[in-house]
Amino acid sequence: MTARDTTPGDPAPSFSDLFTPKLVTVLREGYGLGDLRADAVAGLTVAIVALPLSMAIAIASGVTPDRGLYTAIVGGFLVSALGGSRFQIGGPAGAFIVLVALTVERHGVDGLVLATLLSGVILMAVGLLRLGSFVKYIPYPVTVGFTAGIAVIIFASQLKDLLGLDLAGKEPGPIVPKVEALAAALPSLNLAAVGIAAIAIGVILTLRQLRPHWPNLLVAVVLASALAWAFGLPVETIGTRFGGIPDTLPAPHLPDLDWAKVVAVLPDAASFALLGGIESLLSAVVADSMSGRRHRSNCELVAQGIANIGSALFGGICVTGTIARTATNVRTGARGPIAGMLHAAFLLAFMLVAAPLASYIPLSALAAVLAVVAFNMAERHQIAILLRTSRGDAVVLVATLLVTVFRDLIEGIVVGFSLGALLFIQRMAGAASVEQADRADLPTDGSRTPYDARTAAKRDVVVSRINGAFFFGSAASVATALERIGDRPRHFVIDVGGVALIDSTAAATIEGFARKAARRGARVTIAAASTSVRQMLEAHGVHPPLAAFAPDVETALAG
């Protein structure tokens, strides 16, 4: 197997295994005309979906619509050409709207471009350091709550254009002041804009039910644009707000690399990199689940980094893997990364040919597109399951959602992950137990050799079995259980055969117990320790003469 996706049973992967782009793998496997035809159809379909989305996301992010197209063209091509997923589609994503808008507000468009470039450097470093696999440790309730929070933010950001409101000043970023400002502007409601938005949403939902294979987003935008133009409706369009979009890519150039500016935008770049890494790898996982393939997470992060650098050189915004477009790519029969590369080429062709027509697109129609996207992003079924089945997971989900909406996206992830980690520690600590086994009522289910019942009469010998994960979360309860053993035995046998893992806190607990036993004139034997458990115990001083080791309880009792 060439540049394989490794599994837990494989030998340690080489650099080539981890960082060979999937494009190379697909070409080595054999790529024919039939594959190219399938990829062309998939690429065209995804481009049709991406065209209105890219412009809508850019506008919602506080930049001109052409920057969204630059991002999808340049970034999308590089993600597919160099990435570790066969089906990943890169481009601007709704998840970045809030972060990008805040960066533009603080540092301007030039600062945004610089932050995008720096985030690419960070993502490349994370991938080359092989840290991509750590994303899988983010708890599921965190991703669901975070995604739902982003959906709320995106929907709120589109209310102004959906309703055609005229605000007295600049639209606030935080959710509460934003809603207050929008409520105050309700008297300026534009019925024509509302009608166009309603028609666009209706077309999208209707086609999704009756013609699921049709490009519902593009059809809705084209129909809304035609109606607004034909009837001369007083609605704001791309042309009236931005003057249209250019019909070619700009020449690549580096942003201003002034050191003070670099330091100023570095926190934003780190936020872009964190969110981009999470979003792109989640998208790759979705593609894996749909296709049965496996992505190379570190290769994917390196490609995302290069794509962000490329996007910045052409004046684009943040690039990441896009779940909806990637899923569309898989569903329409893509065979490999060439579909994503062709999607970028088709977008470039659309821009070269149809750029003048973009001026007629109503902003309320693009807002309707993002409103539907936001509604679909909120995984309502999964939210209901988590709220019903687990109180702890429900707390993590709700906390992540609320912090994301009312505070900050990165804070939402940090708070959710922290609560998820505490919940995991609590559950693992609760799973650990200490059983006193100095009687004849020991297991005889065949899982191990039964203890000799004669040991039940040995009042000076106590056998205690520790089960589960023995770590800092459970160390205190285990220590308390051991200390409660009465009758002042002369020999403690601690069976650790059921210990799946042990950390330094747990090893220190055993060492402290052994020293107390030694002061009372009792001896301690550790039975059935695995190699890793024994190494950890010995590293913390649990070794002869303080304590002995035996391969099993029977040997310990005979000693």
Protein backbone atom coordinates (compact mmCIF):
# COMPACT_ATOMS: atom_id res chain seq x y z
CA MET A 1 0.00 0.00 0.00
CA THR A 2 1.43 3.37 -0.98
CA ALA A 3 1.38 6.25 1.50
CA ARG A 4 -1.17 4.33 3.48
CA ASP A 5 -3.55 5.51 6.16
CA THR A 6 -2.20 3.75 9.21
CA THR A 7 -4.22 1.83 11.74
CA PRO A 8 -3.38 1.07 15.38
CA GLY A 9 -1.90 -2.31 14.39
CA ASP A 10 0.46 -0.88 11.77
CA PRO A 11 4.11 -0.11 12.40
CA ALA A 12 5.10 3.47 13.11
CA PRO A 13 4.22 5.57 10.04
CA SER A 14 6.96 7.23 8.04
CA PHE A 15 6.99 10.86 6.93
CA SER A 16 5.75 9.72 3.52
CA ASP A 17 2.86 7.82 5.11
CA LEU A 18 1.74 10.92 6.97
CA PHE A 19 2.30 13.70 4.44
CA THR A 20 1.79 12.31 0.94
CA PRO A 21 -1.18 14.21 -0.55
CA LYS A 22 -4.21 12.11 -1.43
CA LEU A 23 -3.93 13.39 -5.00
CA VAL A 24 -0.67 11.44 -5.35
CA THR A 25 -2.27 8.35 -3.82
CA VAL A 26 -5.26 8.51 -6.17
CA LEU A 27 -3.05 8.93 -9.25
CA ARG A 28 -0.87 6.00 -8.19
CA GLU A 29 -3.93 3.81 -7.78
CA GLY A 30 -4.84 4.47 -11.42
CA TYR A 31 -6.95 7.33 -12.71
CA GLY A 32 -8.88 7.04 -15.96
CA LEU A 33 -11.22 9.00 -18.17
CA GLY A 34 -14.26 7.68 -16.30
CA ASP A 35 -12.83 8.99 -13.04
CA LEU A 36 -12.17 12.38 -14.62
CA ARG A 37 -15.73 12.54 -15.93
CA ALA A 38 -17.15 11.75 -12.49
CA ASP A 39 -14.89 14.32 -10.85
CA ALA A 40 -15.88 16.97 -13.40
CA VAL A 41 -19.58 16.44 -12.66
CA ALA A 42 -18.95 16.57 -8.92
CA GLY A 43 -16.70 19.62 -9.24
CA LEU A 44 -19.28 21.51 -11.29
CA THR A 45 -22.03 20.67 -8.80
CA VAL A 46 -19.98 21.85 -5.85
CA ALA A 47 -18.96 25.03 -7.71
CA ILE A 48 -22.62 25.86 -8.29
CA VAL A 49 -23.23 25.45 -4.55
CA ALA A 50 -20.09 27.39 -3.58
CA LEU A 51 -20.68 30.38 -5.87
CA PRO A 52 -23.46 32.09 -3.89
CA LEU A 53 -22.16 30.81 -0.54
CA SER A 54 -18.68 32.24 -1.03
CA MET A 55 -20.03 35.71 -1.81
CA ALA A 56 -22.60 35.56 1.01
CA ILE A 57 -20.01 34.52 3.61
CA ALA A 58 -17.62 37.25 2.50
CA ILE A 59 -20.31 39.94 2.74
CA ALA A 60 -21.40 38.68 6.17
CA SER A 61 -17.76 38.76 7.27
CA GLY A 62 -17.46 42.46 6.52
CA VAL A 63 -15.47 42.25 3.27
CA THR A 64 -16.37 42.50 -0.41
CA PRO A 65 -17.88 39.47 -2.18
CA ASP A 66 -14.93 39.07 -4.55
CA ARG A 67 -12.69 38.14 -1.60
CA GLY A 68 -14.94 35.17 -0.91
CA LEU A 69 -14.49 34.03 -4.50
CA TYR A 70 -10.70 34.47 -4.32
CA THR A 71 -10.73 32.32 -1.19
CA ALA A 72 -12.78 29.55 -2.78
CA ILE A 73 -10.71 29.55 -5.99
CA VAL A 74 -7.16 29.75 -4.64
CA GLY A 75 -7.71 28.12 -1.25
CA GLY A 76 -10.07 25.47 -2.62
CA PHE A 77 -7.58 24.44 -5.30
CA LEU A 78 -4.66 24.13 -2.86
CA VAL A 79 -6.67 22.22 -0.25
CA SER A 80 -7.65 19.60 -2.83
CA ALA A 81 -4.25 19.42 -4.53
CA LEU A 82 -2.18 19.07 -1.36
CA GLY A 83 -4.59 17.80 1.29
CA GLY A 84 -4.87 14.52 3.15
CA SER A 85 -8.53 13.92 2.31
CA ARG A 86 -9.81 12.55 -0.99
CA PHE A 87 -12.98 14.61 -0.93
CA GLN A 88 -12.32 17.75 1.10
CA ILE A 89 -13.62 21.00 -0.41
CA GLY A 90 -11.92 24.11 0.90
CA GLY A 91 -13.19 27.67 0.90
CA PRO A 92 -14.68 30.36 3.15
CA ALA A 93 -16.88 28.95 5.91
CA GLY A 94 -19.76 30.33 7.91
CA ALA A 95 -17.98 29.39 11.13
CA PHE A 96 -15.45 32.17 10.50
CA ILE A 97 -17.93 34.99 9.93
CA VAL A 98 -17.74 36.36 13.47
CA LEU A 99 -13.97 36.04 13.83
CA VAL A 100 -13.30 37.59 10.43
CA ALA A 101 -15.73 40.46 11.05
CA LEU A 102 -14.11 41.23 14.42
CA THR A 103 -10.64 41.16 12.86
CA VAL A 104 -11.72 43.56 10.10
CA GLU A 105 -13.23 45.85 12.72
CA ARG A 106 -10.04 45.86 14.81
CA HIS A 107 -7.31 45.78 12.16
CA GLY A 108 -8.91 46.52 8.80
CA VAL A 109 -8.82 44.35 5.69
CA ASP A 110 -5.02 44.51 5.51
CA GLY A 111 -4.83 43.19 9.06
CA LEU A 112 -7.25 40.41 8.15
CA VAL A 113 -5.10 39.34 5.19
CA LEU A 114 -1.99 39.33 7.40
CA ALA A 115 -3.79 37.29 10.09
CA THR A 116 -4.89 34.81 7.42
CA LEU A 117 -1.30 34.40 6.23
CA LEU A 118 -0.01 33.91 9.79
CA SER A 119 -2.74 31.38 10.54
CA GLY A 120 -1.50 29.42 7.54
CA VAL A 121 2.00 29.36 9.00
CA ILE A 122 0.61 28.17 12.35
CA LEU A 123 -1.46 25.42 10.70
CA MET A 124 1.57 24.20 8.77
CA ALA A 125 3.59 24.05 11.99
CA VAL A 126 0.82 22.16 13.81
CA GLY A 127 0.62 19.63 10.98
CA LEU A 128 4.39 19.15 10.70
CA LEU A 129 4.58 18.64 14.47
CA ARG A 130 1.95 15.88 14.02
CA LEU A 131 -0.56 17.43 16.38
CA GLY A 132 -3.55 16.94 14.10
CA SER A 133 -4.67 13.73 15.81
CA PHE A 134 -5.35 15.65 19.04
CA VAL A 135 -8.46 17.22 17.51
CA LYS A 136 -10.23 13.87 17.97
CA TYR A 137 -10.16 14.43 21.73
CA ILE A 138 -12.67 17.28 21.55
CA PRO A 139 -15.87 15.91 23.14
CA TYR A 140 -18.89 15.47 20.89
CA PRO A 141 -21.16 17.77 23.00
CA VAL A 142 -18.58 20.54 22.51
CA THR A 143 -18.67 20.26 18.71
CA VAL A 144 -22.49 20.13 18.69
CA GLY A 145 -22.83 23.11 21.06
CA PHE A 146 -20.15 25.08 19.25
CA THR A 147 -21.75 24.47 15.85
CA ALA A 148 -25.17 25.45 17.20
CA GLY A 149 -23.70 28.62 18.67
CA ILE A 150 -22.15 29.54 15.33
CA ALA A 151 -25.52 28.93 13.67
CA VAL A 152 -27.20 31.38 16.04
CA ILE A 153 -24.51 34.00 15.38
CA ILE A 154 -24.73 33.58 11.60
CA PHE A 155 -28.52 33.86 11.61
CA ALA A 156 -28.40 36.99 13.76
CA SER A 157 -25.82 38.52 11.42
CA GLN A 158 -28.21 38.12 8.47
CA LEU A 159 -31.29 39.74 10.02
CA LYS A 160 -30.35 43.22 8.81
CA ASP A 161 -30.23 42.20 5.13
CA LEU A 162 -33.10 39.72 5.45
CA LEU A 163 -35.39 42.51 6.63
CA GLY A 164 -33.76 45.31 4.63
CA LEU A 165 -33.19 47.42 7.75
CA ASP A 166 -31.42 50.78 7.83
CA LEU A 167 -29.38 51.14 11.02
CA ALA A 168 -28.60 54.53 12.52
CA GLY A 169 -24.95 53.54 12.94
CA LYS A 170 -22.63 50.60 12.41
CA GLU A 171 -24.12 47.20 13.21
CA PRO A 172 -22.76 45.97 16.57
CA GLY A 173 -20.87 42.69 16.70
CA PRO A 174 -21.92 41.23 20.09
CA ILE A 175 -25.26 39.47 19.99
CA VAL A 176 -27.17 41.48 22.61
CA PRO A 177 -26.33 44.98 21.29
CA LYS A 178 -26.91 43.67 17.77
CA VAL A 179 -30.45 42.51 18.58
CA GLU A 180 -31.17 45.79 20.37
CA ALA A 181 -29.97 47.81 17.36
CA LEU A 182 -31.99 45.68 14.93
CA ALA A 183 -35.11 46.01 17.08
CA ALA A 184 -34.69 49.77 17.13
CA ALA A 185 -34.43 49.78 13.31
CA LEU A 186 -37.62 47.76 12.71
CA PRO A 187 -39.57 50.84 11.55
CA SER A 188 -37.28 50.89 8.47
CA LEU A 189 -38.41 47.40 7.44
CA ASN A 190 -38.20 46.92 3.66
CA LEU A 191 -41.11 44.74 2.52
CA ALA A 192 -39.53 44.17 -0.88
CA ALA A 193 -36.37 42.77 0.75
CA VAL A 194 -38.47 40.59 3.04
CA GLY A 195 -40.41 39.30 0.04
CA ILE A 196 -37.26 38.49 -1.93
CA ALA A 197 -35.78 36.69 1.12
CA ALA A 198 -39.01 34.74 1.65
CA ILE A 199 -39.12 33.68 -2.01
CA ALA A 200 -35.48 32.57 -1.90
CA ILE A 201 -36.02 30.52 1.27
CA GLY A 202 -39.19 29.03 -0.17
CA VAL A 203 -37.43 28.01 -3.38
CA ILE A 204 -34.54 26.43 -1.46
CA LEU A 205 -36.82 24.40 0.80
CA THR A 206 -39.18 23.39 -2.00
CA LEU A 207 -36.43 22.21 -4.33
CA ARG A 208 -34.78 20.35 -1.46
CA GLN A 209 -37.98 18.31 -1.10
CA LEU A 210 -39.09 17.95 -4.72
CA ARG A 211 -35.81 18.11 -6.65
CA PRO A 212 -33.04 17.26 -4.16
CA HIS A 213 -30.40 16.96 -6.90
CA TRP A 214 -31.00 20.46 -8.25
CA PRO A 215 -28.66 23.30 -7.13
CA ASN A 216 -31.32 24.89 -4.92
CA LEU A 217 -29.11 27.71 -3.60
CA LEU A 218 -28.11 28.90 -7.05
CA VAL A 219 -31.64 28.57 -8.44
CA ALA A 220 -33.00 30.62 -5.52
CA VAL A 221 -30.42 33.39 -6.00
CA VAL A 222 -30.92 33.53 -9.79
CA LEU A 223 -34.72 33.62 -9.46
CA ALA A 224 -34.60 36.30 -6.76
CA SER A 225 -32.20 38.39 -8.85
CA ALA A 226 -34.44 38.08 -11.91
CA LEU A 227 -37.53 39.14 -9.94
CA ALA A 228 -35.79 42.12 -8.36
CA TRP A 229 -34.50 43.28 -11.76
CA ALA A 230 -37.72 42.62 -13.69
CA PHE A 231 -39.96 44.49 -11.25
CA GLY A 232 -37.42 47.16 -10.32
CA LEU A 233 -37.75 46.35 -6.63
CA PRO A 234 -36.12 48.81 -4.21
CA VAL A 235 -33.69 46.31 -2.68
CA GLU A 236 -29.98 46.60 -2.04
CA THR A 237 -27.80 44.51 -4.38
CA ILE A 238 -24.14 43.63 -4.73
CA GLY A 239 -23.90 46.36 -7.35
CA THR A 240 -25.44 49.11 -5.21
CA ARG A 241 -23.34 48.30 -2.14
CA PHE A 242 -20.04 47.09 -3.62
CA GLY A 243 -20.13 48.23 -7.24
CA GLY A 244 -19.97 44.67 -8.58
CA ILE A 245 -17.08 42.22 -8.58
CA PRO A 246 -13.96 42.07 -10.79
CA ASP A 247 -13.78 39.56 -13.62
CA THR A 248 -10.26 38.31 -12.91
CA LEU A 249 -7.96 37.30 -10.07
CA PRO A 250 -5.66 40.00 -8.66
CA ALA A 251 -1.90 39.64 -8.88
CA PRO A 252 -0.48 37.90 -5.80
CA HIS A 253 1.34 40.10 -3.31
CA LEU A 254 2.54 39.91 0.29
CA PRO A 255 0.68 41.91 2.94
CA ASP A 256 2.55 44.46 5.04
CA LEU A 257 4.79 42.44 7.39
CA ASP A 258 5.47 45.27 9.83
CA TRP A 259 6.49 43.67 13.14
CA ALA A 260 4.08 45.74 15.25
CA LYS A 261 1.23 44.73 12.96
CA VAL A 262 2.26 41.06 13.15
CA VAL A 263 2.17 41.15 16.93
CA ALA A 264 -1.19 42.94 16.90
CA VAL A 265 -2.93 40.37 14.67
CA LEU A 266 -1.24 37.28 16.11
CA PRO A 267 -4.10 36.46 18.53
CA ASP A 268 -6.55 36.63 15.64
CA ALA A 269 -4.28 34.41 13.56
CA ALA A 270 -4.13 31.86 16.38
CA SER A 271 -7.94 31.90 16.59
CA PHE A 272 -8.19 31.37 12.82
CA ALA A 273 -5.74 28.47 13.02
CA LEU A 274 -7.52 26.79 15.93
CA LEU A 275 -10.95 27.10 14.41
CA GLY A 276 -9.70 26.22 10.93
CA GLY A 277 -7.94 23.10 12.16
CA ILE A 278 -11.01 21.90 14.03
CA GLU A 279 -13.42 22.69 11.20
CA SER A 280 -11.28 21.14 8.46
CA LEU A 281 -10.63 17.90 10.34
CA LEU A 282 -14.29 17.59 11.32
CA SER A 283 -15.16 18.00 7.64
CA ALA A 284 -12.61 15.32 6.71
CA VAL A 285 -14.14 12.97 9.29
CA VAL A 286 -17.58 13.56 7.75
CA ALA A 287 -16.16 12.66 4.33
CA ASP A 288 -14.58 9.52 5.81
CA SER A 289 -17.87 8.41 7.34
CA MET A 290 -19.68 8.90 4.02
CA SER A 291 -17.06 7.27 1.80
CA GLY A 292 -15.44 4.62 3.99
CA ARG A 293 -12.00 6.16 3.38
CA ARG A 294 -9.55 7.62 5.90
CA HIS A 295 -7.88 10.99 5.80
CA ARG A 296 -4.37 11.96 6.88
CA SER A 297 -4.97 14.58 9.52
CA ASN A 298 -1.48 16.09 9.66
CA CYS A 299 -1.18 16.25 5.87
CA GLU A 300 -4.59 17.94 5.81
CA LEU A 301 -3.46 20.60 8.29
CA VAL A 302 -0.31 21.34 6.29
CA ALA A 303 -2.44 21.75 3.16
CA GLN A 304 -4.87 24.02 5.01
CA GLY A 305 -1.92 26.12 6.08
CA ILE A 306 -0.59 26.43 2.53
CA ALA A 307 -4.10 27.24 1.31
CA ASN A 308 -4.47 30.07 3.82
CA ILE A 309 -1.11 31.50 2.78
CA GLY A 310 -2.15 31.26 -0.87
CA SER A 311 -5.52 32.87 -0.15
CA ALA A 312 -3.83 35.73 1.68
CA LEU A 313 -1.45 36.36 -1.23
CA PHE A 314 -4.47 36.90 -3.49
CA GLY A 315 -6.35 39.05 -0.97
CA GLY A 316 -8.68 36.28 0.20
CA ILE A 317 -9.91 35.43 3.69
CA CYS A 318 -9.61 32.32 5.87
CA VAL A 319 -9.79 28.91 4.19
CA THR A 320 -11.02 25.74 5.86
CA GLY A 321 -12.72 22.49 5.02
CA THR A 322 -16.42 23.06 4.44
CA ILE A 323 -18.68 20.27 5.65
CA ALA A 324 -21.72 20.96 3.44
CA ARG A 325 -19.71 21.35 0.22
CA THR A 326 -17.54 18.34 1.06
CA ALA A 327 -20.64 16.21 1.69
CA THR A 328 -22.08 17.41 -1.66
CA ASN A 329 -18.83 16.39 -3.33
CA VAL A 330 -19.07 12.85 -1.95
CA ARG A 331 -22.79 12.49 -2.71
CA THR A 332 -22.35 13.53 -6.34
CA GLY A 333 -19.84 10.75 -7.01
CA ALA A 334 -16.40 12.37 -6.75
CA ARG A 335 -13.52 9.91 -7.14
CA GLY A 336 -10.73 12.00 -5.65
CA PRO A 337 -9.14 15.42 -5.08
CA ILE A 338 -9.35 16.38 -8.76
CA ALA A 339 -13.06 17.11 -8.18
CA GLY A 340 -12.11 19.81 -5.69
CA MET A 341 -9.49 21.22 -8.03
CA LEU A 342 -12.05 21.36 -10.85
CA HIS A 343 -14.53 23.05 -8.49
CA ALA A 344 -12.00 25.89 -8.11
CA ALA A 345 -11.48 26.02 -11.88
CA PHE A 346 -15.23 26.23 -12.52
CA LEU A 347 -15.55 29.05 -9.98
CA LEU A 348 -12.79 30.94 -11.78
CA ALA A 349 -14.62 30.44 -15.08
CA PHE A 350 -17.87 31.71 -13.55
CA MET A 351 -16.09 34.81 -12.29
CA LEU A 352 -14.42 35.50 -15.64
CA VAL A 353 -17.64 35.07 -17.62
CA ALA A 354 -20.50 36.12 -15.35
CA ALA A 355 -18.98 38.75 -13.05
CA PRO A 356 -21.17 41.61 -14.41
CA LEU A 357 -24.33 39.64 -13.61
CA ALA A 358 -23.37 39.42 -9.93
CA SER A 359 -24.21 43.11 -9.56
CA TYR A 360 -27.91 42.26 -9.79
CA ILE A 361 -27.93 39.80 -6.87
CA PRO A 362 -30.06 41.13 -3.97
CA LEU A 363 -28.31 41.05 -0.62
CA SER A 364 -31.53 39.79 0.94
CA ALA A 365 -31.32 36.71 -1.30
CA LEU A 366 -27.76 36.00 -0.15
CA ALA A 367 -28.89 36.57 3.45
CA ALA A 368 -31.64 34.00 2.86
CA VAL A 369 -29.02 31.51 1.68
CA LEU A 370 -27.00 31.97 4.87
CA ALA A 371 -30.14 31.82 7.03
CA VAL A 372 -30.90 28.38 5.59
CA VAL A 373 -27.27 27.33 6.05
CA ALA A 374 -27.42 28.44 9.70
CA PHE A 375 -30.65 26.53 10.27
CA ASN A 376 -29.07 23.39 8.85
CA MET A 377 -25.89 23.85 10.89
CA ALA A 378 -27.75 23.56 14.19
CA GLU A 379 -27.89 19.78 14.64
CA ARG A 380 -31.30 19.76 16.25
CA HIS A 381 -31.67 15.99 16.43
CA GLN A 382 -28.29 15.54 18.11
CA ILE A 383 -29.02 18.38 20.53
CA ALA A 384 -32.28 16.71 21.57
CA ILE A 385 -30.51 13.37 22.11
CA LEU A 386 -27.77 14.90 24.25
CA LEU A 387 -30.24 16.89 26.34
CA ARG A 388 -32.33 13.75 26.94
CA THR A 389 -29.72 11.13 27.62
CA SER A 390 -27.04 12.69 29.82
CA ARG A 391 -27.19 15.54 32.30
CA GLY A 392 -23.42 15.99 32.18
CA ASP A 393 -23.28 16.11 28.38
CA ALA A 394 -26.26 18.49 28.39
CA VAL A 395 -24.36 20.88 30.68
CA VAL A 396 -21.32 20.77 28.40
CA LEU A 397 -23.46 21.39 25.30
CA VAL A 398 -25.45 24.27 26.78
CA ALA A 399 -22.39 25.93 28.31
CA THR A 400 -20.49 25.72 25.01
CA LEU A 401 -23.44 27.14 23.08
CA LEU A 402 -24.05 30.04 25.48
CA VAL A 403 -20.39 31.04 25.81
CA THR A 404 -19.97 30.85 22.01
CA VAL A 405 -23.00 33.07 21.41
CA PHE A 406 -22.60 35.59 24.22
CA ARG A 407 -18.82 35.67 24.72
CA ASP A 408 -16.40 34.34 22.12
CA LEU A 409 -15.98 31.35 19.81
CA ILE A 410 -12.59 30.29 21.16
CA GLU A 411 -13.76 30.76 24.75
CA GLY A 412 -16.70 28.53 23.89
CA ILE A 413 -14.38 25.74 22.79
CA VAL A 414 -12.11 26.17 25.83
CA VAL A 415 -14.99 26.21 28.32
CA GLY A 416 -16.71 23.26 26.66
CA PHE A 417 -13.50 21.22 26.48
CA SER A 418 -12.67 22.01 30.11
CA LEU A 419 -16.13 20.96 31.31
CA GLY A 420 -15.95 17.85 29.13
CA ALA A 421 -12.56 16.96 30.62
CA LEU A 422 -13.88 17.41 34.18
CA LEU A 423 -16.89 15.27 33.34
CA PHE A 424 -14.62 12.57 31.94
CA ILE A 425 -12.42 12.65 35.04
CA GLN A 426 -15.47 12.36 37.28
CA ARG A 427 -16.81 9.41 35.30
CA MET A 428 -13.47 7.62 35.19
CA ALA A 429 -12.91 8.22 38.90
CA GLY A 430 -16.34 6.77 39.63
CA ALA A 431 -15.49 3.68 37.59
CA ALA A 432 -12.44 2.89 39.75
CA SER A 433 -13.05 0.62 42.74
CA VAL A 434 -11.25 -1.28 45.47
CA GLU A 435 -12.55 -4.70 46.47
CA GLN A 436 -11.36 -6.46 49.58
CA ALA A 437 -10.91 -10.08 48.56
CA ASP A 438 -9.74 -11.82 51.70
CA ARG A 439 -12.78 -14.10 51.85
CA ALA A 440 -13.89 -17.07 49.80
CA ASP A 441 -16.46 -15.08 47.82
CA LEU A 442 -14.03 -14.33 45.00
CA PRO A 443 -14.92 -14.62 41.29
CA THR A 444 -15.03 -18.08 39.85
CA ASP A 445 -16.39 -17.17 36.43
CA GLY A 446 -13.33 -18.43 34.63
CA SER A 447 -11.89 -14.99 33.99
CA ARG A 448 -8.94 -15.92 36.22
CA THR A 449 -7.94 -18.78 38.49
CA PRO A 450 -10.11 -18.80 41.65
CA TYR A 451 -8.41 -17.93 44.89
CA ASP A 452 -7.78 -20.73 47.33
CA ALA A 453 -10.61 -20.64 49.84
CA ARG A 454 -8.14 -21.52 52.62
CA THR A 455 -6.89 -17.95 52.46
CA ALA A 456 -10.21 -16.88 53.96
CA ALA A 457 -8.99 -18.18 57.28
CA LYS A 458 -5.79 -16.16 57.13
CA ARG A 459 -6.79 -13.12 59.13
CA ASP A 460 -3.29 -11.63 58.80
CA VAL A 461 -3.49 -11.56 54.98
CA VAL A 462 -5.68 -9.14 53.03
CA VAL A 463 -6.12 -9.24 49.28
CA SER A 464 -7.41 -6.04 47.72
CA ARG A 465 -8.22 -5.70 44.05
CA ILE A 466 -8.12 -2.32 42.28
CA ASN A 467 -10.22 -2.09 39.12
CA GLY A 468 -10.53 0.55 36.43
CA ALA A 469 -8.44 3.62 35.64
CA PHE A 470 -6.19 4.41 38.61
CA PHE A 471 -5.25 8.07 38.18
CA PHE A 472 -5.36 11.39 40.01
CA GLY A 473 -9.15 11.52 39.81
CA SER A 474 -9.58 8.21 41.65
CA ALA A 475 -6.39 8.14 43.74
CA ALA A 476 -7.96 9.73 46.83
CA SER A 477 -10.89 7.29 46.96
CA VAL A 478 -8.57 4.31 46.43
CA ALA A 479 -6.25 5.52 49.20
CA THR A 480 -9.21 5.93 51.57
CA ALA A 481 -10.43 2.42 50.79
CA LEU A 482 -7.01 0.92 51.44
CA GLU A 483 -6.63 2.80 54.71
CA ARG A 484 -9.97 1.47 55.97
CA ILE A 485 -8.77 -2.13 55.88
CA GLY A 486 -8.98 -3.31 59.46
CA ASP A 487 -7.50 -6.07 61.58
CA ARG A 488 -3.95 -4.78 61.13
CA PRO A 489 -2.91 -7.52 58.64
CA ARG A 490 0.73 -8.51 58.33
CA HIS A 491 0.59 -8.98 54.57
CA PHE A 492 -1.18 -6.78 52.01
CA VAL A 493 -1.63 -8.21 48.53
CA ILE A 494 -2.76 -5.52 46.06
CA ASP A 495 -4.08 -7.04 42.83
CA VAL A 496 -3.68 -4.48 40.02
CA GLY A 497 -4.51 -6.85 37.17
CA GLY A 498 -7.71 -4.90 36.56
CA VAL A 499 -5.97 -1.52 36.32
CA ALA A 500 -6.14 -0.26 32.75
CA LEU A 501 -3.87 2.73 33.33
CA ILE A 502 -1.98 4.39 36.16
CA ASP A 503 -0.48 7.84 36.53
CA SER A 504 2.08 9.39 38.86
CA THR A 505 -0.52 10.43 41.48
CA ALA A 506 -1.79 6.86 41.73
CA ALA A 507 1.74 5.46 41.89
CA ALA A 508 2.60 7.90 44.68
CA THR A 509 -0.55 6.78 46.52
CA ILE A 510 0.61 3.14 46.45
CA GLU A 511 4.11 4.20 47.53
CA GLY A 512 2.69 6.14 50.49
CA PHE A 513 0.49 3.20 51.51
CA ALA A 514 3.46 0.80 51.31
CA ARG A 515 5.54 3.04 53.58
CA LYS A 516 2.74 3.22 56.17
CA ALA A 517 2.43 -0.56 56.04
CA ALA A 518 6.18 -0.96 56.50
CA ARG A 519 6.11 1.25 59.61
CA ARG A 520 3.47 -1.11 61.06
CA GLY A 521 5.64 -4.12 60.28
CA ALA A 522 3.47 -5.33 57.40
CA ARG A 523 4.66 -6.22 53.94
CA VAL A 524 3.09 -5.31 50.61
CA THR A 525 3.00 -7.37 47.40
CA ILE A 526 1.80 -5.99 44.09
CA ALA A 527 0.19 -8.75 42.03
CA ALA A 528 -0.59 -9.06 38.31
CA ALA A 529 0.91 -5.71 37.33
CA SER A 530 1.27 -5.11 33.61
CA THR A 531 4.60 -3.90 32.29
CA SER A 532 3.51 -0.27 32.06
CA VAL A 533 1.91 -0.29 35.52
CA ARG A 534 5.00 -1.88 37.08
CA GLN A 535 7.32 0.62 35.40
CA MET A 536 5.28 3.54 36.74
CA LEU A 537 5.21 2.07 40.26
CA GLU A 538 8.94 1.34 40.27
CA ALA A 539 9.69 4.86 39.02
CA HIS A 540 7.93 6.19 42.15
CA GLY A 541 9.81 3.96 44.60
CA VAL A 542 7.47 0.96 44.77
CA HIS A 543 10.08 -1.81 44.57
CA PRO A 544 11.93 -4.15 46.98
CA PRO A 545 12.41 -3.90 49.87
CA LEU A 546 9.43 -1.54 50.19
CA ALA A 547 7.17 -3.80 48.13
CA ALA A 548 7.45 -7.02 46.17
CA PHE A 549 5.93 -7.96 42.82
CA ALA A 550 4.22 -11.23 41.95
CA PRO A 551 2.82 -12.40 38.62
CA ASP A 552 -0.55 -13.28 40.19
CA VAL A 553 -2.37 -13.37 43.50
CA GLU A 554 -1.77 -17.08 44.08
CA THR A 555 2.00 -16.59 43.84
CA ALA A 556 1.79 -13.59 46.15
CA LEU A 557 -0.09 -15.60 48.77
CA ALA A 558 2.36 -18.46 48.55
CA GLY A 559 5.33 -16.15 49.04
